[in-house]
Protein backbone atom coordinates (compact mmCIF):
# COMPACT_ATOMS: atom_id res chain seq x y z
CA UNK A 1 0.00 0.00 0.00
CA UNK A 2 1.48 3.33 -0.99
CA UNK A 3 1.33 6.39 1.24
CA UNK A 4 -1.53 8.00 -0.70
CA UNK A 5 -3.65 4.84 -0.42
CA UNK A 6 -2.80 4.53 3.28
CA UNK A 7 -3.82 8.14 3.89
CA UNK A 8 -7.07 7.70 1.95
CA UNK A 9 -7.88 4.46 3.77
CA UNK A 10 -7.25 6.03 7.19
CA UNK A 11 -9.31 9.08 6.25
CA UNK A 12 -12.20 6.85 5.14
CA UNK A 13 -11.83 4.70 8.26
CA UNK A 14 -11.98 7.78 10.48
CA UNK A 15 -15.11 9.05 8.70
CA UNK A 16 -16.79 5.65 9.06
CA UNK A 17 -16.01 5.44 12.78
CA UNK A 18 -17.32 8.98 13.35
CA UNK A 19 -20.50 8.21 11.42
CA UNK A 20 -21.01 5.02 13.42
CA UNK A 21 -20.51 6.87 16.71
CA UNK A 22 -22.93 9.65 15.69
CA UNK A 23 -25.61 7.15 14.64
CA UNK A 24 -25.13 5.15 17.86
CA UNK A 25 -25.35 8.31 19.98
CA UNK A 26 -28.66 9.20 18.34
CA UNK A 27 -29.94 5.66 18.91
CA UNK A 28 -29.05 5.94 22.59
CA UNK A 29 -30.71 9.35 22.81
CA UNK A 30 -33.90 8.02 21.29
CA UNK A 31 -34.05 4.46 22.64
CA UNK A 32 -31.86 4.46 25.75
CA UNK A 33 -30.77 1.01 26.90
CA UNK A 34 -32.58 -0.62 23.97
CA UNK A 35 -30.33 1.17 21.44
CA UNK A 36 -28.07 -1.84 20.95
CA UNK A 37 -31.01 -4.02 19.91
CA UNK A 38 -32.86 -1.33 17.95
CA UNK A 39 -29.74 -0.69 15.87
CA UNK A 40 -30.38 -3.97 14.04
CA UNK A 41 -34.12 -3.46 13.59
CA UNK A 42 -36.01 -1.32 11.06
CA UNK A 43 -36.68 1.31 13.75
CA UNK A 44 -32.92 1.84 14.05
CA UNK A 45 -32.81 3.19 10.50
CA UNK A 46 -35.23 5.98 11.33
CA UNK A 47 -38.11 7.38 9.35
CA UNK A 48 -37.69 9.24 6.09
CA UNK A 49 -36.56 12.81 6.77
CA UNK A 50 -35.55 12.15 10.38
CA UNK A 51 -32.16 12.88 11.91
CA UNK A 52 -31.82 9.18 12.72
CA UNK A 53 -32.31 8.31 9.03
CA UNK A 54 -29.75 10.92 7.98
CA UNK A 55 -27.20 9.52 10.42
CA UNK A 56 -27.96 5.94 9.39
CA UNK A 57 -27.50 6.79 5.70
CA UNK A 58 -24.20 8.53 6.46
CA UNK A 59 -23.09 5.44 8.37
CA UNK A 60 -24.01 3.24 5.38
CA UNK A 61 -22.27 5.56 2.91
CA UNK A 62 -19.05 5.66 4.89
CA UNK A 63 -19.18 1.92 5.67
CA UNK A 64 -19.57 1.15 1.97
CA UNK A 65 -16.63 3.44 1.17
CA UNK A 66 -14.54 1.70 3.85
CA UNK A 67 -15.39 -1.71 2.41
CA UNK A 68 -14.40 -0.55 -1.08
CA UNK A 69 -11.11 0.87 0.24
CA UNK A 70 -10.37 -2.36 2.08
CA UNK A 71 -11.03 -4.38 -1.07
CA UNK A 72 -8.70 -2.09 -3.04
CA UNK A 73 -5.94 -2.67 -0.51
CA UNK A 74 -6.39 -6.44 -0.77
CA UNK A 75 -6.60 -6.30 -4.57
CA UNK A 76 -3.26 -4.50 -4.64
CA UNK A 77 -1.72 -7.04 -2.26
CA UNK A 78 -3.01 -9.96 -4.33
CA UNK A 79 -1.64 -8.41 -7.52
CA UNK A 80 1.78 -7.90 -5.91
CA UNK A 81 1.80 -11.46 -4.61
CA UNK A 82 0.86 -12.82 -8.03
CA UNK A 83 3.64 -10.74 -9.59
CA UNK A 84 6.09 -12.09 -7.00
CA UNK A 85 6.59 -8.68 -5.40
CA UNK A 86 5.60 -9.89 -1.92
């Protein structure tokens, strides 16, 4: 992984963790001790136009970006291994 990719990955990781924390904080605010369970239920995604929905969608967006970045890192590693560079 080159320095630019490492920086991008860490930046994306940081954004995903912040989005997750913000969504979880809103779940706790709204559902209290049940937040951990509600997170995995439809109610945890919020209603259209709600702050909870906005935070959930941001979490999904950043999580998807993190997954794509992770796959890019592994694709690069696999290509280097195949080329005998690892």
